C-alpha cells in the first residue's frame, strides 16, 4: 500500500490553537487534515498557520505579509518584515531569528538576532515584543519522531522603540556582564564582577582606569540608576532595590537590566565582537 501524500499546506481556519495537541477536525469540518508523519511541524500565527512534513523547506514569519508564509504584527513596526524562519534540515527543524527584537521561548530563554536553535519535539510558544506591552505569539508543535527582504521605503524601516544610549565603556562592560545571554546559553545568568573586570583589563579601556570588581559594578550601577530615573524616557522598571523581591538581590537587578537591554535591542550578539576581539 502506498504512503499517503502529505504536502506542505496552509492550516484550515478551524485550527485556532496548537496548545492542546495536534489539531483534530470538528465533526462538521469540510477541510480535515490527513494524519501527519513523524517530523511534521505545525506553525500558527495570529491569522495564518502552516503544516509541513519533514522535507527541505523554510517557513518565513514577520510583518511583511506579502513576502512571508505567516504574517505577524503586520501593523507593529517593532516586528521586522522578515522576523524569523523555521527551517527543515531533513530530519530536524530549527528556528532562526532574522529580526531585531529577541524571541522569548519557554524557560525564560531568549533567541537573539542572528541566533538559531533546534526545535524540540513538543509544543513551543514563541513571543515577540515587549512583554509589558503588546506581544505577538507564534505557536509551534513538532510531531516527535535566505531569502532577502525587498528594499522598502525609508518609512518602512523596522522600528525598535526604547533603545537606550550607552557610552562605549558602558556598552563593553554590559556586554561582558551579559555574555552568557548574548551567546545563547540556556538559563543564562550575569557573569561575576571578577569576570567583567578581567575582561575589561584586556580591552583598550584598560589604559583609562584600573579595573577592579568594584569599578565594573559602579559602571553598571550608574546605568541602572539612569535608566530607572523618573525623568528618563522610556523608564525601565525593576532596576531598583525596592522593586525586586528575593535573593540574591544584586543578581536579580542585573538580570532585569540585561533583559531590558536585550528586549530593546540595545545589546545584541554583534557586541560580542568587541569583547572577544
C-alpha atoms as a PDB file:
ATOM      1  CA  UNK A   1       0.000   0.000   0.000  1.00  0.00           C
ATOM      2  CA  UNK A   2       1.396   3.419  -0.951  1.00  0.00           C
ATOM      3  CA  UNK A   3       2.044   6.074   1.680  1.00  0.00           C
ATOM      4  CA  UNK A   4      -0.496   8.933   1.556  1.00  0.00           C
ATOM      5  CA  UNK A   5       0.902  12.157   0.145  1.00  0.00           C
ATOM      6  CA  UNK A   6       1.180  14.935   2.737  1.00  0.00           C
ATOM      7  CA  UNK A   7       2.294  18.172   1.051  1.00  0.00           C
ATOM      8  CA  UNK A   8       3.085  21.446   2.854  1.00  0.00           C
ATOM      9  CA  UNK A   9      -0.219  23.257   3.262  1.00  0.00           C
ATOM     10  CA  UNK A  10      -1.969  26.160   4.978  1.00  0.00           C
ATOM     11  CA  UNK A  11      -3.878  25.152   8.083  1.00  0.00           C
ATOM     12  CA  UNK A  12      -7.662  25.300   7.702  1.00  0.00           C
ATOM     13  CA  UNK A  13      -9.435  28.154   9.515  1.00  0.00           C
ATOM     14  CA  UNK A  14     -10.893  25.854  12.166  1.00  0.00           C
ATOM     15  CA  UNK A  15      -7.399  25.481  13.696  1.00  0.00           C
ATOM     16  CA  UNK A  16      -7.336  28.131  16.445  1.00  0.00           C
ATOM     17  CA  UNK A  17      -4.540  26.861  18.689  1.00  0.00           C
ATOM     18  CA  UNK A  18      -1.882  24.168  18.907  1.00  0.00           C
ATOM     19  CA  UNK A  19      -1.605  24.168  22.695  1.00  0.00           C
ATOM     20  CA  UNK A  20      -3.899  21.176  23.256  1.00  0.00           C
ATOM     21  CA  UNK A  21      -2.111  18.901  20.779  1.00  0.00           C
ATOM     22  CA  UNK A  22      -2.249  18.007  17.119  1.00  0.00           C
ATOM     23  CA  UNK A  23      -5.328  19.716  15.644  1.00  0.00           C
ATOM     24  CA  UNK A  24      -8.351  17.436  15.288  1.00  0.00           C
ATOM     25  CA  UNK A  25     -11.065  18.483  12.894  1.00  0.00           C
ATOM     26  CA  UNK A  26     -14.550  19.074  14.296  1.00  0.00           C
ATOM     27  CA  UNK A  27     -17.286  16.777  13.060  1.00  0.00           C
ATOM     28  CA  UNK A  28     -18.631  19.371  10.649  1.00  0.00           C
ATOM     29  CA  UNK A  29     -15.226  20.350   9.215  1.00  0.00           C
ATOM     30  CA  UNK A  30     -15.093  20.482   5.424  1.00  0.00           C
ATOM     31  CA  UNK A  31     -11.270  20.567   5.406  1.00  0.00           C
ATOM     32  CA  UNK A  32      -9.957  17.685   7.556  1.00  0.00           C
ATOM     33  CA  UNK A  33      -6.206  17.137   7.840  1.00  0.00           C
ATOM     34  CA  UNK A  34      -4.690  13.739   6.985  1.00  0.00           C
ATOM     35  CA  UNK A  35      -2.536  12.013   9.635  1.00  0.00           C
ATOM     36  CA  UNK A  36       0.859  13.725   9.824  1.00  0.00           C
ATOM     37  CA  UNK A  37       4.097  11.741   9.584  1.00  0.00           C
ATOM     38  CA  UNK A  38       6.764  11.973  12.289  1.00  0.00           C
ATOM     39  CA  UNK A  39       8.837  15.120  11.977  1.00  0.00           C
ATOM     40  CA  UNK A  40       5.920  17.244  10.763  1.00  0.00           C
ATOM     41  CA  UNK A  41       5.814  20.796  12.100  1.00  0.00           C
ATOM     42  CA  UNK A  42       2.673  22.841  12.746  1.00  0.00           C
ATOM     43  CA  UNK A  43       3.131  26.618  12.997  1.00  0.00           C
ATOM     44  CA  UNK A  44       0.283  29.006  13.778  1.00  0.00           C
ATOM     45  CA  UNK A  45       0.430  32.806  13.822  1.00  0.00           C
ATOM     46  CA  UNK A  46      -2.272  35.349  14.529  1.00  0.00           C
ATOM     47  CA  UNK A  47      -4.362  34.549  11.447  1.00  0.00           C
ATOM     48  CA  UNK A  48      -2.467  32.049   9.284  1.00  0.00           C
ATOM     49  CA  UNK A  49      -0.825  28.715  10.013  1.00  0.00           C
ATOM     50  CA  UNK A  50       1.057  26.022   8.113  1.00  0.00           C
ATOM     51  CA  UNK A  51       1.716  22.310   8.455  1.00  0.00           C
ATOM     52  CA  UNK A  52       4.837  20.954   6.754  1.00  0.00           C
ATOM     53  CA  UNK A  53       6.127  17.360   6.687  1.00  0.00           C
ATOM     54  CA  UNK A  54       9.856  16.649   7.124  1.00  0.00           C
ATOM     55  CA  UNK A  55      11.483  17.792   3.885  1.00  0.00           C
ATOM     56  CA  UNK A  56      13.816  20.657   2.900  1.00  0.00           C
ATOM     57  CA  UNK A  57      11.586  23.664   3.487  1.00  0.00           C
ATOM     58  CA  UNK A  58      11.500  27.141   5.058  1.00  0.00           C
ATOM     59  CA  UNK A  59       8.600  28.970   6.670  1.00  0.00           C
ATOM     60  CA  UNK A  60       9.099  32.730   6.972  1.00  0.00           C
ATOM     61  CA  UNK A  61       7.239  34.845   9.522  1.00  0.00           C
ATOM     62  CA  UNK A  62       7.129  38.601  10.112  1.00  0.00           C
ATOM     63  CA  UNK A  63       5.114  41.713   9.354  1.00  0.00           C
ATOM     64  CA  UNK A  64       5.669  41.772   5.569  1.00  0.00           C
ATOM     65  CA  UNK A  65       2.518  39.799   4.809  1.00  0.00           C
ATOM     66  CA  UNK A  66       3.204  39.839   1.053  1.00  0.00           C
ATOM     67  CA  UNK A  67       6.528  38.023   1.430  1.00  0.00           C
ATOM     68  CA  UNK A  68       6.146  35.701   4.433  1.00  0.00           C
ATOM     69  CA  UNK A  69       4.219  32.490   4.994  1.00  0.00           C
ATOM     70  CA  UNK A  70       2.928  33.519   8.407  1.00  0.00           C
ATOM     71  CA  UNK A  71       2.198  37.237   8.930  1.00  0.00           C
ATOM     72  CA  UNK A  72       2.763  38.518  12.460  1.00  0.00           C
ATOM     73  CA  UNK A  73       2.347  42.059  13.796  1.00  0.00           C
ATOM     74  CA  UNK A  74       1.512  43.439  10.356  1.00  0.00           C
ATOM     75  CA  UNK A  75       0.880  46.930  11.795  1.00  0.00           C
ATOM     76  CA  UNK A  76       3.565  46.729  14.502  1.00  0.00           C
ATOM     77  CA  UNK A  77       6.870  48.161  13.281  1.00  0.00           C
ATOM     78  CA  UNK A  78       8.723  46.621  16.205  1.00  0.00           C
ATOM     79  CA  UNK A  79       8.355  43.357  14.278  1.00  0.00           C
ATOM     80  CA  UNK A  80      10.810  43.033  11.389  1.00  0.00           C
ATOM     81  CA  UNK A  81       9.485  42.478   7.903  1.00  0.00           C
ATOM     82  CA  UNK A  82      11.028  39.006   7.971  1.00  0.00           C
ATOM     83  CA  UNK A  83      11.493  38.414  11.674  1.00  0.00           C
ATOM     84  CA  UNK A  84      12.385  34.753  11.570  1.00  0.00           C
ATOM     85  CA  UNK A  85      12.267  31.459   9.759  1.00  0.00           C
ATOM     86  CA  UNK A  86      11.546  27.832  10.543  1.00  0.00           C
ATOM     87  CA  UNK A  87      13.949  25.624   8.618  1.00  0.00           C
ATOM     88  CA  UNK A  88      13.704  21.889   7.990  1.00  0.00           C
ATOM     89  CA  UNK A  89      17.112  20.275   7.513  1.00  0.00           C
ATOM     90  CA  UNK A  90      15.661  16.912   6.559  1.00  0.00           C
ATOM     91  CA  UNK A  91      15.208  15.170   9.892  1.00  0.00           C
ATOM     92  CA  UNK A  92      15.065  18.158  12.238  1.00  0.00           C
ATOM     93  CA  UNK A  93      13.717  21.683  12.407  1.00  0.00           C
ATOM     94  CA  UNK A  94      15.434  24.836  13.633  1.00  0.00           C
ATOM     95  CA  UNK A  95      14.228  28.391  14.211  1.00  0.00           C
ATOM     96  CA  UNK A  96      16.378  31.398  13.306  1.00  0.00           C
ATOM     97  CA  UNK A  97      15.857  34.985  14.475  1.00  0.00           C
ATOM     98  CA  UNK A  98      16.305  37.330  11.496  1.00  0.00           C
ATOM     99  CA  UNK A  99      14.785  40.346  13.285  1.00  0.00           C
ATOM    100  CA  UNK A 100      15.998  42.985  15.709  1.00  0.00           C
ATOM    101  CA  UNK A 101      13.869  42.112  18.726  1.00  0.00           C
ATOM    102  CA  UNK A 102      14.592  38.856  20.563  1.00  0.00           C
ATOM    103  CA  UNK A 103      12.162  35.968  20.695  1.00  0.00           C
ATOM    104  CA  UNK A 104      11.153  34.757  24.149  1.00  0.00           C
ATOM    105  CA  UNK A 105      10.996  30.963  24.469  1.00  0.00           C
ATOM    106  CA  UNK A 106       9.815  28.681  27.289  1.00  0.00           C
ATOM    107  CA  UNK A 107      12.154  28.592  30.261  1.00  0.00           C
ATOM    108  CA  UNK A 108      12.691  32.352  30.035  1.00  0.00           C
ATOM    109  CA  UNK A 109      15.226  31.819  27.245  1.00  0.00           C
ATOM    110  CA  UNK A 110      15.774  34.450  24.562  1.00  0.00           C
ATOM    111  CA  UNK A 111      16.663  33.780  20.935  1.00  0.00           C
ATOM    112  CA  UNK A 112      18.562  36.894  19.883  1.00  0.00           C
ATOM    113  CA  UNK A 113      19.180  38.400  16.466  1.00  0.00           C
ATOM    114  CA  UNK A 114      21.151  36.029  14.252  1.00  0.00           C
ATOM    115  CA  UNK A 115      20.832  33.054  16.601  1.00  0.00           C
ATOM    116  CA  UNK A 116      19.388  29.690  15.567  1.00  0.00           C
ATOM    117  CA  UNK A 117      18.007  26.980  17.831  1.00  0.00           C
ATOM    118  CA  UNK A 118      16.779  23.409  17.430  1.00  0.00           C
ATOM    119  CA  UNK A 119      13.020  22.978  17.864  1.00  0.00           C
ATOM    120  CA  UNK A 120      12.083  20.313  20.392  1.00  0.00           C
ATOM    121  CA  UNK A 121       9.504  17.584  19.748  1.00  0.00           C
ATOM    122  CA  UNK A 122       6.777  19.309  21.713  1.00  0.00           C
ATOM    123  CA  UNK A 123       4.685  22.469  21.910  1.00  0.00           C
ATOM    124  CA  UNK A 124       6.679  25.711  21.792  1.00  0.00           C
ATOM    125  CA  UNK A 125       5.050  29.145  22.097  1.00  0.00           C
ATOM    126  CA  UNK A 126       7.324  31.920  20.825  1.00  0.00           C
ATOM    127  CA  UNK A 127       6.671  35.525  21.918  1.00  0.00           C
ATOM    128  CA  UNK A 128       7.935  38.657  20.191  1.00  0.00           C
ATOM    129  CA  UNK A 129       7.547  42.153  21.607  1.00  0.00           C
ATOM    130  CA  UNK A 130       7.839  43.959  24.926  1.00  0.00           C
ATOM    131  CA  UNK A 131       6.056  41.803  27.486  1.00  0.00           C
ATOM    132  CA  UNK A 132       4.815  44.956  29.226  1.00  0.00           C
ATOM    133  CA  UNK A 133       3.018  45.953  26.012  1.00  0.00           C
ATOM    134  CA  UNK A 134       1.551  44.098  23.043  1.00  0.00           C
ATOM    135  CA  UNK A 135       3.172  40.776  22.208  1.00  0.00           C
ATOM    136  CA  UNK A 136       2.771  38.509  19.211  1.00  0.00           C
ATOM    137  CA  UNK A 137       2.772  34.744  19.583  1.00  0.00           C
ATOM    138  CA  UNK A 138       3.844  32.071  17.123  1.00  0.00           C
ATOM    139  CA  UNK A 139       2.715  28.608  18.207  1.00  0.00           C
ATOM    140  CA  UNK A 140       4.854  25.671  17.085  1.00  0.00           C
ATOM    141  CA  UNK A 141       4.156  21.981  17.533  1.00  0.00           C
ATOM    142  CA  UNK A 142       6.617  19.406  16.232  1.00  0.00           C
ATOM    143  CA  UNK A 143       5.472  15.805  15.900  1.00  0.00           C
ATOM    144  CA  UNK A 144       8.186  13.688  17.536  1.00  0.00           C
ATOM    145  CA  UNK A 145       9.985  11.146  15.960  1.00  0.00           C
ATOM    146  CA  UNK A 146      17.962  33.166   2.842  1.00  0.00           C
ATOM    147  CA  UNK A 147      15.536  34.999   1.421  1.00  0.00           C
ATOM    148  CA  UNK A 148      16.336  38.784   1.434  1.00  0.00           C
ATOM    149  CA  UNK A 149      13.514  41.279   2.063  1.00  0.00           C
ATOM    150  CA  UNK A 150      12.834  43.786  -0.680  1.00  0.00           C
ATOM    151  CA  UNK A 151      14.235  47.232  -0.228  1.00  0.00           C
ATOM    152  CA  UNK A 152      11.359  49.232   1.194  1.00  0.00           C
ATOM    153  CA  UNK A 153      10.720  52.893   1.521  1.00  0.00           C
ATOM    154  CA  UNK A 154      12.564  54.775   4.241  1.00  0.00           C
ATOM    155  CA  UNK A 155       9.432  54.954   6.355  1.00  0.00           C
ATOM    156  CA  UNK A 156       9.105  51.150   6.218  1.00  0.00           C
ATOM    157  CA  UNK A 157      12.179  50.546   8.383  1.00  0.00           C
ATOM    158  CA  UNK A 158      11.611  48.317  11.393  1.00  0.00           C
ATOM    159  CA  UNK A 159      11.033  50.455  14.463  1.00  0.00           C
ATOM    160  CA  UNK A 160      12.692  49.325  17.688  1.00  0.00           C
ATOM    161  CA  UNK A 161      11.336  51.698  20.332  1.00  0.00           C
ATOM    162  CA  UNK A 162      13.018  52.204  23.651  1.00  0.00           C
ATOM    163  CA  UNK A 163      16.645  51.621  22.637  1.00  0.00           C
ATOM    164  CA  UNK A 164      18.940  53.065  25.284  1.00  0.00           C
ATOM    165  CA  UNK A 165      22.040  55.150  24.711  1.00  0.00           C
ATOM    166  CA  UNK A 166      25.217  53.692  26.186  1.00  0.00           C
ATOM    167  CA  UNK A 167      28.726  55.095  26.181  1.00  0.00           C
ATOM    168  CA  UNK A 168      31.406  52.865  24.608  1.00  0.00           C
ATOM    169  CA  UNK A 169      32.749  51.810  28.002  1.00  0.00           C
ATOM    170  CA  UNK A 170      29.239  51.115  29.357  1.00  0.00           C
ATOM    171  CA  UNK A 171      28.447  49.025  26.289  1.00  0.00           C
ATOM    172  CA  UNK A 172      31.576  46.896  26.708  1.00  0.00           C
ATOM    173  CA  UNK A 173      31.090  46.405  30.457  1.00  0.00           C
ATOM    174  CA  UNK A 174      27.458  45.375  29.918  1.00  0.00           C
ATOM    175  CA  UNK A 175      28.410  43.112  27.012  1.00  0.00           C
ATOM    176  CA  UNK A 176      30.801  41.310  29.356  1.00  0.00           C
ATOM    177  CA  UNK A 177      28.162  41.090  32.101  1.00  0.00           C
ATOM    178  CA  UNK A 178      25.565  39.766  29.610  1.00  0.00           C
ATOM    179  CA  UNK A 179      27.826  37.496  27.551  1.00  0.00           C
ATOM    180  CA  UNK A 180      26.047  34.280  28.547  1.00  0.00           C
ATOM    181  CA  UNK A 181      22.755  35.741  27.280  1.00  0.00           C
ATOM    182  CA  UNK A 182      24.372  37.034  24.073  1.00  0.00           C
ATOM    183  CA  UNK A 183      25.933  33.627  23.383  1.00  0.00           C
ATOM    184  CA  UNK A 184      22.525  31.970  23.644  1.00  0.00           C
ATOM    185  CA  UNK A 185      23.330  29.764  26.649  1.00  0.00           C
ATOM    186  CA  UNK A 186      20.333  28.082  28.326  1.00  0.00           C
ATOM    187  CA  UNK A 187      19.040  29.743  31.513  1.00  0.00           C
ATOM    188  CA  UNK A 188      21.760  32.402  31.476  1.00  0.00           C
ATOM    189  CA  UNK A 189      22.857  34.484  34.456  1.00  0.00           C
ATOM    190  CA  UNK A 190      25.161  37.547  34.656  1.00  0.00           C
ATOM    191  CA  UNK A 191      28.836  36.678  34.936  1.00  0.00           C
ATOM    192  CA  UNK A 192      30.749  37.603  38.086  1.00  0.00           C
ATOM    193  CA  UNK A 193      32.229  41.056  38.665  1.00  0.00           C
ATOM    194  CA  UNK A 194      35.642  39.400  38.662  1.00  0.00           C
ATOM    195  CA  UNK A 195      34.989  38.109  35.137  1.00  0.00           C
ATOM    196  CA  UNK A 196      33.889  41.551  33.976  1.00  0.00           C
ATOM    197  CA  UNK A 197      36.986  43.179  35.477  1.00  0.00           C
ATOM    198  CA  UNK A 198      39.246  40.564  33.860  1.00  0.00           C
ATOM    199  CA  UNK A 199      37.581  41.139  30.500  1.00  0.00           C
ATOM    200  CA  UNK A 200      37.969  44.915  30.756  1.00  0.00           C
ATOM    201  CA  UNK A 201      41.685  44.611  31.568  1.00  0.00           C
ATOM    202  CA  UNK A 202      42.133  43.063  28.117  1.00  0.00           C
ATOM    203  CA  UNK A 203      40.494  45.956  26.276  1.00  0.00           C
ATOM    204  CA  UNK A 204      41.619  49.405  25.193  1.00  0.00           C
ATOM    205  CA  UNK A 205      39.791  50.794  28.230  1.00  0.00           C
ATOM    206  CA  UNK A 206      42.436  49.221  30.481  1.00  0.00           C
ATOM    207  CA  UNK A 207      44.517  52.324  29.796  1.00  0.00           C
ATOM    208  CA  UNK A 208      41.787  54.664  31.059  1.00  0.00           C
ATOM    209  CA  UNK A 209      41.301  53.272  34.563  1.00  0.00           C
ATOM    210  CA  UNK A 210      42.314  50.495  36.910  1.00  0.00           C
ATOM    211  CA  UNK A 211      39.647  47.827  36.538  1.00  0.00           C
ATOM    212  CA  UNK A 212      38.528  46.023  39.669  1.00  0.00           C
ATOM    213  CA  UNK A 213      35.300  44.264  40.642  1.00  0.00           C
ATOM    214  CA  UNK A 214      34.116  47.496  42.261  1.00  0.00           C
ATOM    215  CA  UNK A 215      34.936  49.560  39.167  1.00  0.00           C
ATOM    216  CA  UNK A 216      32.825  47.286  36.965  1.00  0.00           C
ATOM    217  CA  UNK A 217      29.963  47.269  39.483  1.00  0.00           C
ATOM    218  CA  UNK A 218      29.914  51.081  39.643  1.00  0.00           C
ATOM    219  CA  UNK A 219      29.636  51.385  35.850  1.00  0.00           C
ATOM    220  CA  UNK A 220      26.640  49.045  35.817  1.00  0.00           C
ATOM    221  CA  UNK A 221      25.064  50.712  38.845  1.00  0.00           C
ATOM    222  CA  UNK A 222      25.263  54.091  37.108  1.00  0.00           C
ATOM    223  CA  UNK A 223      23.421  52.677  34.082  1.00  0.00           C
ATOM    224  CA  UNK A 224      20.729  51.140  36.309  1.00  0.00           C
ATOM    225  CA  UNK A 225      20.218  54.415  38.138  1.00  0.00           C
ATOM    226  CA  UNK A 226      19.997  56.390  34.896  1.00  0.00           C
ATOM    227  CA  UNK A 227      17.501  54.048  33.233  1.00  0.00           C
ATOM    228  CA  UNK A 228      15.316  53.822  36.345  1.00  0.00           C
ATOM    229  CA  UNK A 229      15.187  57.584  36.953  1.00  0.00           C
ATOM    230  CA  UNK A 230      11.639  59.049  36.866  1.00  0.00           C
ATOM    231  CA  UNK A 231      12.900  61.637  34.361  1.00  0.00           C
ATOM    232  CA  UNK A 232      14.281  59.003  31.977  1.00  0.00           C
ATOM    233  CA  UNK A 233      12.189  58.029  28.945  1.00  0.00           C
ATOM    234  CA  UNK A 234      11.387  55.275  28.457  1.00  0.00           C
ATOM    235  CA  UNK A 235      11.943  54.457  32.137  1.00  0.00           C
ATOM    236  CA  UNK A 236      12.922  50.841  32.866  1.00  0.00           C
ATOM    237  CA  UNK A 237      11.196  49.176  35.829  1.00  0.00           C
ATOM    238  CA  UNK A 238      12.715  46.500  38.051  1.00  0.00           C
ATOM    239  CA  UNK A 239      16.147  48.095  38.446  1.00  0.00           C
ATOM    240  CA  UNK A 240      15.715  49.475  41.973  1.00  0.00           C
ATOM    241  CA  UNK A 241      16.060  47.517  45.193  1.00  0.00           C
ATOM    242  CA  UNK A 242      12.521  48.295  46.369  1.00  0.00           C
ATOM    243  CA  UNK A 243      11.125  46.966  43.052  1.00  0.00           C
ATOM    244  CA  UNK A 244      12.619  43.478  43.339  1.00  0.00           C
ATOM    245  CA  UNK A 245      11.861  40.691  45.779  1.00  0.00           C
ATOM    246  CA  UNK A 246      14.034  37.695  46.552  1.00  0.00           C
ATOM    247  CA  UNK A 247      17.725  36.925  46.785  1.00  0.00           C
ATOM    248  CA  UNK A 248      20.352  37.375  45.590  1.00  0.00           C
ATOM    249  CA  UNK A 249      19.083  40.885  45.028  1.00  0.00           C
ATOM    250  CA  UNK A 250      22.057  42.199  43.079  1.00  0.00           C
ATOM    251  CA  UNK A 251      21.861  39.325  40.612  1.00  0.00           C
ATOM    252  CA  UNK A 252      18.127  39.943  40.066  1.00  0.00           C
ATOM    253  CA  UNK A 253      18.725  43.633  39.400  1.00  0.00           C
ATOM    254  CA  UNK A 254      21.432  42.836  36.861  1.00  0.00           C
ATOM    255  CA  UNK A 255      19.282  40.160  35.231  1.00  0.00           C
ATOM    256  CA  UNK A 256      16.436  42.671  34.847  1.00  0.00           C
ATOM    257  CA  UNK A 257      18.821  45.241  33.379  1.00  0.00           C
ATOM    258  CA  UNK A 258      20.291  42.785  30.880  1.00  0.00           C
ATOM    259  CA  UNK A 259      16.870  41.601  29.752  1.00  0.00           C
ATOM    260  CA  UNK A 260      15.713  45.195  29.285  1.00  0.00           C
ATOM    261  CA  UNK A 261      18.761  45.924  27.128  1.00  0.00           C
ATOM    262  CA  UNK A 262      18.215  42.758  25.070  1.00  0.00           C
ATOM    263  CA  UNK A 263      14.469  43.280  24.739  1.00  0.00           C
ATOM    264  CA  UNK A 264      15.012  46.805  23.408  1.00  0.00           C
ATOM    265  CA  UNK A 265      17.807  45.583  21.066  1.00  0.00           C
ATOM    266  CA  UNK A 266      20.235  47.953  22.818  1.00  0.00           C
ATOM    267  CA  UNK A 267      22.597  44.987  23.117  1.00  0.00           C
ATOM    268  CA  UNK A 268      22.788  42.225  20.523  1.00  0.00           C
ATOM    269  CA  UNK A 269      25.197  39.381  19.696  1.00  0.00           C
ATOM    270  CA  UNK A 270      27.172  41.678  17.406  1.00  0.00           C
ATOM    271  CA  UNK A 271      28.513  43.429  20.512  1.00  0.00           C
ATOM    272  CA  UNK A 272      30.472  40.287  21.393  1.00  0.00           C
ATOM    273  CA  UNK A 273      32.946  41.033  18.591  1.00  0.00           C
ATOM    274  CA  UNK A 274      34.429  43.949  20.567  1.00  0.00           C
ATOM    275  CA  UNK A 275      34.692  41.782  23.705  1.00  0.00           C
ATOM    276  CA  UNK A 276      36.104  38.690  22.003  1.00  0.00           C
ATOM    277  CA  UNK A 277      38.463  40.752  19.875  1.00  0.00           C
END
